[in-house]
Amino acid sequence: MVKIIGPAGSGKTRKIMELCEQQNAVFVCKSPEAMFVKAKAYGYNIHIISYIDFLQNSTYNDNNAYLDDIDEFLMVIGCHCLGFGGTTEEGD
């Protein structure tokens, strides 16, 4: 699993869009319309869907999607947690 972590404005979303284009993967986010505009500005032609569409359509759950902004995703699915942890490994 790829993990892209960094401060606001560090290019995380752009890197995810780049990976989506390279791997023909789906970009999953809160606001597909806004991200579509951003992707076009960056020159990427990628498939963009909402978190809800991702959760409701199992087609996208076969390791062919990248989620943008994991903390927003957790809130959308009703997980109003205080934080989260994860493992970073060399190469992630």
N, C-alpha and C. Protein backbone atom coordinates (compact mmCIF):
# COMPACT_ATOMS: atom_id res chain seq x y z
N MET A 1 0.85 -1.17 0.00
CA MET A 1 0.00 0.00 0.00
C MET A 1 0.90 1.24 0.00
N VAL A 2 0.59 2.16 -0.87
CA VAL A 2 1.32 3.42 -0.94
C VAL A 2 0.74 4.38 0.08
N LYS A 3 1.61 5.05 0.81
CA LYS A 3 1.17 6.05 1.78
C LYS A 3 1.90 7.35 1.47
N ILE A 4 1.14 8.38 1.18
CA ILE A 4 1.72 9.68 0.87
C ILE A 4 1.33 10.62 2.00
N ILE A 5 2.32 11.01 2.77
CA ILE A 5 2.08 11.81 3.96
C ILE A 5 2.93 13.07 3.89
N GLY A 6 2.33 14.20 4.23
CA GLY A 6 3.07 15.45 4.23
C GLY A 6 2.18 16.59 4.67
N PRO A 7 2.76 17.75 4.86
CA PRO A 7 1.97 18.91 5.28
C PRO A 7 1.08 19.43 4.15
N ALA A 8 0.13 20.26 4.52
CA ALA A 8 -0.75 20.89 3.53
C ALA A 8 0.08 21.63 2.50
N GLY A 9 -0.30 21.47 1.25
CA GLY A 9 0.39 22.18 0.17
C GLY A 9 1.68 21.52 -0.29
N SER A 10 1.94 20.29 0.16
CA SER A 10 3.20 19.64 -0.19
C SER A 10 3.12 18.78 -1.45
N GLY A 11 1.94 18.71 -2.08
CA GLY A 11 1.81 17.97 -3.34
C GLY A 11 1.27 16.56 -3.20
N LYS A 12 0.67 16.24 -2.07
CA LYS A 12 0.13 14.89 -1.86
C LYS A 12 -0.94 14.54 -2.89
N THR A 13 -1.88 15.43 -3.07
CA THR A 13 -2.98 15.18 -4.01
C THR A 13 -2.45 15.03 -5.43
N ARG A 14 -1.53 15.87 -5.81
CA ARG A 14 -0.96 15.79 -7.16
C ARG A 14 -0.24 14.45 -7.36
N LYS A 15 0.49 14.00 -6.35
CA LYS A 15 1.18 12.71 -6.45
C LYS A 15 0.18 11.57 -6.59
N ILE A 16 -0.92 11.63 -5.85
CA ILE A 16 -1.95 10.59 -5.96
C ILE A 16 -2.56 10.61 -7.36
N MET A 17 -2.81 11.79 -7.90
CA MET A 17 -3.34 11.90 -9.26
C MET A 17 -2.36 11.30 -10.27
N GLU A 18 -1.09 11.56 -10.07
CA GLU A 18 -0.05 11.01 -10.96
C GLU A 18 -0.06 9.48 -10.92
N LEU A 19 -0.16 8.92 -9.72
CA LEU A 19 -0.21 7.47 -9.58
C LEU A 19 -1.46 6.89 -10.24
N CYS A 20 -2.59 7.58 -10.07
CA CYS A 20 -3.83 7.13 -10.71
C CYS A 20 -3.67 7.07 -12.22
N GLU A 21 -3.07 8.09 -12.78
CA GLU A 21 -2.89 8.10 -14.24
C GLU A 21 -1.94 6.99 -14.68
N GLN A 22 -0.84 6.82 -13.97
CA GLN A 22 0.14 5.79 -14.33
C GLN A 22 -0.43 4.39 -14.24
N GLN A 23 -1.30 4.16 -13.27
CA GLN A 23 -1.81 2.80 -13.01
C GLN A 23 -3.26 2.60 -13.45
N ASN A 24 -3.81 3.60 -14.12
CA ASN A 24 -5.21 3.54 -14.54
C ASN A 24 -6.12 3.23 -13.34
N ALA A 25 -5.83 3.90 -12.23
CA ALA A 25 -6.59 3.70 -11.00
C ALA A 25 -7.60 4.82 -10.81
N VAL A 26 -8.51 4.61 -9.91
CA VAL A 26 -9.57 5.58 -9.60
C VAL A 26 -9.11 6.50 -8.47
N PHE A 27 -9.39 7.78 -8.61
CA PHE A 27 -9.09 8.79 -7.59
C PHE A 27 -10.36 8.99 -6.78
N VAL A 28 -10.30 8.73 -5.48
CA VAL A 28 -11.47 8.80 -4.60
C VAL A 28 -11.31 10.00 -3.66
N CYS A 29 -12.34 10.86 -3.63
CA CYS A 29 -12.23 12.09 -2.84
C CYS A 29 -13.60 12.58 -2.38
N LYS A 30 -13.59 13.63 -1.59
CA LYS A 30 -14.83 14.22 -1.09
C LYS A 30 -15.57 15.01 -2.16
N SER A 31 -14.84 15.78 -2.96
CA SER A 31 -15.46 16.68 -3.94
C SER A 31 -14.93 16.40 -5.35
N PRO A 32 -15.52 15.41 -6.04
CA PRO A 32 -15.03 15.04 -7.37
C PRO A 32 -15.01 16.19 -8.38
N GLU A 33 -16.01 17.07 -8.31
CA GLU A 33 -16.06 18.16 -9.28
C GLU A 33 -14.85 19.08 -9.13
N ALA A 34 -14.51 19.43 -7.91
CA ALA A 34 -13.36 20.30 -7.67
C ALA A 34 -12.06 19.60 -8.05
N MET A 35 -11.96 18.32 -7.77
CA MET A 35 -10.75 17.57 -8.10
C MET A 35 -10.61 17.35 -9.59
N PHE A 36 -11.73 17.26 -10.30
CA PHE A 36 -11.69 17.13 -11.75
C PHE A 36 -11.02 18.37 -12.34
N VAL A 37 -11.40 19.54 -11.86
CA VAL A 37 -10.80 20.80 -12.32
C VAL A 37 -9.30 20.80 -12.02
N LYS A 38 -8.94 20.38 -10.83
CA LYS A 38 -7.53 20.34 -10.43
C LYS A 38 -6.75 19.36 -11.30
N ALA A 39 -7.32 18.19 -11.54
CA ALA A 39 -6.64 17.18 -12.37
C ALA A 39 -6.41 17.71 -13.79
N LYS A 40 -7.40 18.35 -14.34
CA LYS A 40 -7.25 18.92 -15.69
C LYS A 40 -6.16 19.99 -15.71
N ALA A 41 -6.11 20.81 -14.67
CA ALA A 41 -5.08 21.86 -14.60
C ALA A 41 -3.68 21.24 -14.54
N TYR A 42 -3.56 20.09 -13.88
CA TYR A 42 -2.27 19.39 -13.81
C TYR A 42 -1.97 18.60 -15.08
N GLY A 43 -2.98 18.44 -15.94
CA GLY A 43 -2.79 17.68 -17.17
C GLY A 43 -3.08 16.20 -17.05
N TYR A 44 -3.80 15.80 -16.01
CA TYR A 44 -4.13 14.40 -15.81
C TYR A 44 -5.54 14.10 -16.30
N ASN A 45 -5.69 12.96 -16.95
CA ASN A 45 -6.99 12.49 -17.41
C ASN A 45 -7.31 11.23 -16.61
N ILE A 46 -7.94 11.41 -15.46
CA ILE A 46 -8.18 10.29 -14.55
C ILE A 46 -9.66 10.19 -14.20
N HIS A 47 -10.04 9.00 -13.73
CA HIS A 47 -11.41 8.76 -13.29
C HIS A 47 -11.51 9.17 -11.83
N ILE A 48 -12.45 10.05 -11.50
CA ILE A 48 -12.59 10.59 -10.15
C ILE A 48 -14.00 10.31 -9.63
N ILE A 49 -14.07 9.75 -8.42
CA ILE A 49 -15.37 9.46 -7.81
C ILE A 49 -15.37 9.95 -6.36
N SER A 50 -16.56 10.01 -5.79
CA SER A 50 -16.71 10.44 -4.39
C SER A 50 -16.47 9.26 -3.45
N TYR A 51 -16.24 9.59 -2.18
CA TYR A 51 -16.12 8.55 -1.15
C TYR A 51 -17.36 7.67 -1.13
N ILE A 52 -18.53 8.28 -1.23
CA ILE A 52 -19.79 7.54 -1.18
C ILE A 52 -19.89 6.56 -2.35
N ASP A 53 -19.55 7.03 -3.56
CA ASP A 53 -19.58 6.12 -4.71
C ASP A 53 -18.61 4.95 -4.51
N PHE A 54 -17.47 5.25 -3.94
CA PHE A 54 -16.48 4.21 -3.66
C PHE A 54 -17.04 3.16 -2.72
N LEU A 55 -17.71 3.60 -1.68
CA LEU A 55 -18.25 2.68 -0.68
C LEU A 55 -19.44 1.87 -1.22
N GLN A 56 -20.19 2.45 -2.14
CA GLN A 56 -21.40 1.80 -2.64
C GLN A 56 -21.16 0.92 -3.86
N ASN A 57 -19.97 0.98 -4.45
CA ASN A 57 -19.70 0.22 -5.66
C ASN A 57 -18.46 -0.64 -5.45
N SER A 58 -18.66 -1.94 -5.25
CA SER A 58 -17.55 -2.85 -4.95
C SER A 58 -16.56 -2.97 -6.11
N THR A 59 -16.92 -2.53 -7.29
CA THR A 59 -16.01 -2.57 -8.43
C THR A 59 -14.72 -1.81 -8.12
N TYR A 60 -14.85 -0.76 -7.33
CA TYR A 60 -13.69 0.08 -7.03
C TYR A 60 -12.86 -0.43 -5.87
N ASN A 61 -13.27 -1.51 -5.24
CA ASN A 61 -12.57 -2.00 -4.06
C ASN A 61 -11.58 -3.12 -4.36
N ASP A 62 -11.19 -3.28 -5.61
CA ASP A 62 -10.28 -4.35 -6.00
C ASP A 62 -8.87 -3.83 -6.22
N ASN A 63 -8.36 -3.10 -5.26
CA ASN A 63 -7.00 -2.58 -5.33
C ASN A 63 -6.75 -1.72 -6.57
N ASN A 64 -7.77 -0.99 -7.00
CA ASN A 64 -7.57 -0.12 -8.15
C ASN A 64 -7.99 1.31 -7.84
N ALA A 65 -7.82 1.71 -6.60
CA ALA A 65 -8.23 3.06 -6.20
C ALA A 65 -7.24 3.65 -5.20
N TYR A 66 -7.10 4.97 -5.28
CA TYR A 66 -6.33 5.74 -4.31
C TYR A 66 -7.27 6.71 -3.61
N LEU A 67 -7.20 6.75 -2.29
CA LEU A 67 -8.03 7.68 -1.52
C LEU A 67 -7.24 8.94 -1.21
N ASP A 68 -7.84 10.08 -1.49
CA ASP A 68 -7.25 11.36 -1.15
C ASP A 68 -7.81 11.82 0.19
N ASP A 69 -6.97 12.27 1.06
CA ASP A 69 -7.38 12.88 2.33
C ASP A 69 -8.09 11.88 3.24
N ILE A 70 -7.33 10.96 3.79
CA ILE A 70 -7.88 9.87 4.59
C ILE A 70 -8.68 10.36 5.79
N ASP A 71 -8.27 11.47 6.40
CA ASP A 71 -9.03 11.96 7.56
C ASP A 71 -10.43 12.43 7.15
N GLU A 72 -10.57 13.02 5.97
CA GLU A 72 -11.90 13.39 5.46
C GLU A 72 -12.73 12.14 5.19
N PHE A 73 -12.10 11.13 4.63
CA PHE A 73 -12.79 9.88 4.35
C PHE A 73 -13.35 9.28 5.64
N LEU A 74 -12.55 9.25 6.68
CA LEU A 74 -13.03 8.70 7.95
C LEU A 74 -14.23 9.47 8.48
N MET A 75 -14.22 10.78 8.34
CA MET A 75 -15.36 11.58 8.81
C MET A 75 -16.60 11.30 7.98
N VAL A 76 -16.44 11.15 6.67
CA VAL A 76 -17.58 10.88 5.79
C VAL A 76 -18.24 9.55 6.14
N ILE A 77 -17.45 8.56 6.52
CA ILE A 77 -18.04 7.27 6.86
C ILE A 77 -18.52 7.21 8.31
N GLY A 78 -18.43 8.33 9.01
CA GLY A 78 -18.97 8.41 10.35
C GLY A 78 -17.98 8.10 11.46
N CYS A 79 -16.72 8.07 11.14
CA CYS A 79 -15.69 7.78 12.14
C CYS A 79 -15.09 9.09 12.62
N HIS A 80 -15.69 9.66 13.63
CA HIS A 80 -15.20 10.92 14.19
C HIS A 80 -14.24 10.60 15.33
N CYS A 81 -13.09 10.06 14.94
CA CYS A 81 -12.11 9.61 15.92
C CYS A 81 -11.13 10.73 16.28
N LEU A 82 -10.41 10.53 17.32
CA LEU A 82 -9.44 11.52 17.77
C LEU A 82 -8.15 11.46 16.97
N GLY A 83 -7.92 10.37 16.32
CA GLY A 83 -6.69 10.23 15.52
C GLY A 83 -6.61 8.86 14.91
N PHE A 84 -5.53 8.60 14.23
CA PHE A 84 -5.30 7.29 13.64
C PHE A 84 -3.80 7.07 13.53
N GLY A 85 -3.44 5.82 13.45
CA GLY A 85 -2.03 5.45 13.31
C GLY A 85 -1.85 4.59 12.09
N GLY A 86 -0.64 4.45 11.70
CA GLY A 86 -0.33 3.63 10.56
C GLY A 86 1.14 3.25 10.59
N THR A 87 1.50 2.30 9.79
CA THR A 87 2.87 1.85 9.72
C THR A 87 3.52 2.36 8.45
N THR A 88 4.68 2.92 8.58
CA THR A 88 5.45 3.27 7.40
C THR A 88 6.62 2.31 7.32
N GLU A 89 6.84 1.83 6.15
CA GLU A 89 7.94 0.90 5.93
C GLU A 89 8.79 1.44 4.79
N GLU A 90 9.98 1.02 4.73
CA GLU A 90 10.86 1.45 3.67
C GLU A 90 10.20 1.12 2.34
N GLY A 91 10.12 2.09 1.47
CA GLY A 91 9.47 1.88 0.18
C GLY A 91 8.03 2.34 0.14
N ASP A 92 7.42 2.61 1.28
CA ASP A 92 6.03 3.10 1.31
C ASP A 92 6.00 4.59 1.07
